[in-house]
C-alpha atoms as a PDB file:
ATOM      1  CA  UNK A   1      23.847 -12.883 -33.986  1.00  0.00           C
ATOM      2  CA  UNK A   2      26.821 -12.705 -31.647  1.00  0.00           C
ATOM      3  CA  UNK A   3      29.257 -15.585 -31.417  1.00  0.00           C
ATOM      4  CA  UNK A   4      28.497 -15.980 -27.696  1.00  0.00           C
ATOM      5  CA  UNK A   5      24.789 -16.336 -28.401  1.00  0.00           C
ATOM      6  CA  UNK A   6      25.491 -18.911 -31.087  1.00  0.00           C
ATOM      7  CA  UNK A   7      27.613 -20.924 -28.641  1.00  0.00           C
ATOM      8  CA  UNK A   8      24.978 -20.757 -25.895  1.00  0.00           C
ATOM      9  CA  UNK A   9      22.187 -21.840 -28.240  1.00  0.00           C
ATOM     10  CA  UNK A  10      24.310 -24.710 -29.497  1.00  0.00           C
ATOM     11  CA  UNK A  11      25.053 -25.862 -25.942  1.00  0.00           C
ATOM     12  CA  UNK A  12      21.410 -25.393 -24.921  1.00  0.00           C
ATOM     13  CA  UNK A  13      20.360 -28.097 -27.357  1.00  0.00           C
ATOM     14  CA  UNK A  14      21.922 -30.615 -24.949  1.00  0.00           C
ATOM     15  CA  UNK A  15      20.322 -29.147 -21.819  1.00  0.00           C
ATOM     16  CA  UNK A  16      17.463 -30.892 -20.017  1.00  0.00           C
ATOM     17  CA  UNK A  17      13.968 -29.934 -21.208  1.00  0.00           C
ATOM     18  CA  UNK A  18      13.288 -27.897 -18.047  1.00  0.00           C
ATOM     19  CA  UNK A  19      16.394 -25.776 -18.605  1.00  0.00           C
ATOM     20  CA  UNK A  20      15.487 -25.263 -22.256  1.00  0.00           C
ATOM     21  CA  UNK A  21      11.969 -24.202 -21.225  1.00  0.00           C
ATOM     22  CA  UNK A  22      13.454 -21.680 -18.802  1.00  0.00           C
ATOM     23  CA  UNK A  23      15.668 -20.262 -21.560  1.00  0.00           C
ATOM     24  CA  UNK A  24      12.629 -19.939 -23.834  1.00  0.00           C
ATOM     25  CA  UNK A  25      10.676 -18.092 -21.101  1.00  0.00           C
ATOM     26  CA  UNK A  26      13.576 -15.687 -20.558  1.00  0.00           C
ATOM     27  CA  UNK A  27      13.977 -15.099 -24.293  1.00  0.00           C
ATOM     28  CA  UNK A  28      10.243 -14.406 -24.645  1.00  0.00           C
ATOM     29  CA  UNK A  29      10.401 -11.824 -21.845  1.00  0.00           C
ATOM     30  CA  UNK A  30      13.335 -10.111 -23.537  1.00  0.00           C
ATOM     31  CA  UNK A  31      11.528 -10.161 -26.892  1.00  0.00           C
ATOM     32  CA  UNK A  32       8.402  -8.656 -25.344  1.00  0.00           C
ATOM     33  CA  UNK A  33      10.476  -5.905 -23.725  1.00  0.00           C
ATOM     34  CA  UNK A  34      12.225  -5.184 -27.028  1.00  0.00           C
ATOM     35  CA  UNK A  35       8.981  -4.929 -28.967  1.00  0.00           C
ATOM     36  CA  UNK A  36       7.047  -2.951 -26.356  1.00  0.00           C
ATOM     37  CA  UNK A  37       6.790   0.741 -27.127  1.00  0.00           C
ATOM     38  CA  UNK A  38       5.989   1.816 -23.575  1.00  0.00           C
ATOM     39  CA  UNK A  39       5.630   0.208 -20.176  1.00  0.00           C
ATOM     40  CA  UNK A  40       2.155   0.236 -18.679  1.00  0.00           C
ATOM     41  CA  UNK A  41       2.140   0.176 -14.913  1.00  0.00           C
ATOM     42  CA  UNK A  42      -0.375  -1.963 -13.064  1.00  0.00           C
ATOM     43  CA  UNK A  43      -3.004  -0.380 -10.808  1.00  0.00           C
ATOM     44  CA  UNK A  44      -1.018  -1.585  -7.803  1.00  0.00           C
ATOM     45  CA  UNK A  45       2.153   0.055  -9.120  1.00  0.00           C
ATOM     46  CA  UNK A  46       0.309   3.298  -9.852  1.00  0.00           C
ATOM     47  CA  UNK A  47      -1.070   3.369  -6.297  1.00  0.00           C
ATOM     48  CA  UNK A  48       2.440   2.813  -4.895  1.00  0.00           C
ATOM     49  CA  UNK A  49       3.812   5.620  -7.074  1.00  0.00           C
ATOM     50  CA  UNK A  50       1.034   7.962  -5.952  1.00  0.00           C
ATOM     51  CA  UNK A  51       1.702   7.115  -2.307  1.00  0.00           C
ATOM     52  CA  UNK A  52       5.422   7.749  -2.746  1.00  0.00           C
ATOM     53  CA  UNK A  53       4.742  11.119  -4.338  1.00  0.00           C
ATOM     54  CA  UNK A  54       2.339  12.017  -1.521  1.00  0.00           C
ATOM     55  CA  UNK A  55       4.979  11.097   1.062  1.00  0.00           C
ATOM     56  CA  UNK A  56       7.508  13.256  -0.780  1.00  0.00           C
ATOM     57  CA  UNK A  57       5.134  16.230  -0.816  1.00  0.00           C
ATOM     58  CA  UNK A  58       4.607  15.821   2.940  1.00  0.00           C
ATOM     59  CA  UNK A  59       8.381  15.818   3.446  1.00  0.00           C
ATOM     60  CA  UNK A  60       8.455  12.231   4.664  1.00  0.00           C
ATOM     61  CA  UNK A  61      11.954  11.064   3.829  1.00  0.00           C
ATOM     62  CA  UNK A  62      14.078   8.325   5.332  1.00  0.00           C
ATOM     63  CA  UNK A  63      17.075   9.525   7.320  1.00  0.00           C
ATOM     64  CA  UNK A  64      20.603   8.550   6.303  1.00  0.00           C
ATOM     65  CA  UNK A  65      20.674   6.254   9.328  1.00  0.00           C
ATOM     66  CA  UNK A  66      17.468   4.504   8.190  1.00  0.00           C
ATOM     67  CA  UNK A  67      18.747   4.115   4.624  1.00  0.00           C
ATOM     68  CA  UNK A  68      22.081   2.708   5.832  1.00  0.00           C
ATOM     69  CA  UNK A  69      20.282   0.256   8.135  1.00  0.00           C
ATOM     70  CA  UNK A  70      18.033  -0.870   5.286  1.00  0.00           C
ATOM     71  CA  UNK A  71      20.918  -1.634   2.948  1.00  0.00           C
ATOM     72  CA  UNK A  72      22.920  -3.268   5.737  1.00  0.00           C
ATOM     73  CA  UNK A  73      19.991  -5.612   6.460  1.00  0.00           C
ATOM     74  CA  UNK A  74      19.904  -6.719   2.808  1.00  0.00           C
ATOM     75  CA  UNK A  75      23.520  -7.908   2.658  1.00  0.00           C
ATOM     76  CA  UNK A  76      23.979 -11.686   2.725  1.00  0.00           C
END
């Protein structure tokens, strides 16, 4: 165990219950990701992937102007 993790876990013992619960949820997600051998996409994700591939095959790409505008709109 790293020293930083030891320090965080020690400090977490004084956190409110809600914060401790959140830490447990995050740790469980990390543990699940570490123990998973392969990611299984949902049906919705598979449909989105298929649609993206179809758009690519049809040559439907965003222009540089569209991409720049998208990223500009996401800045705080």
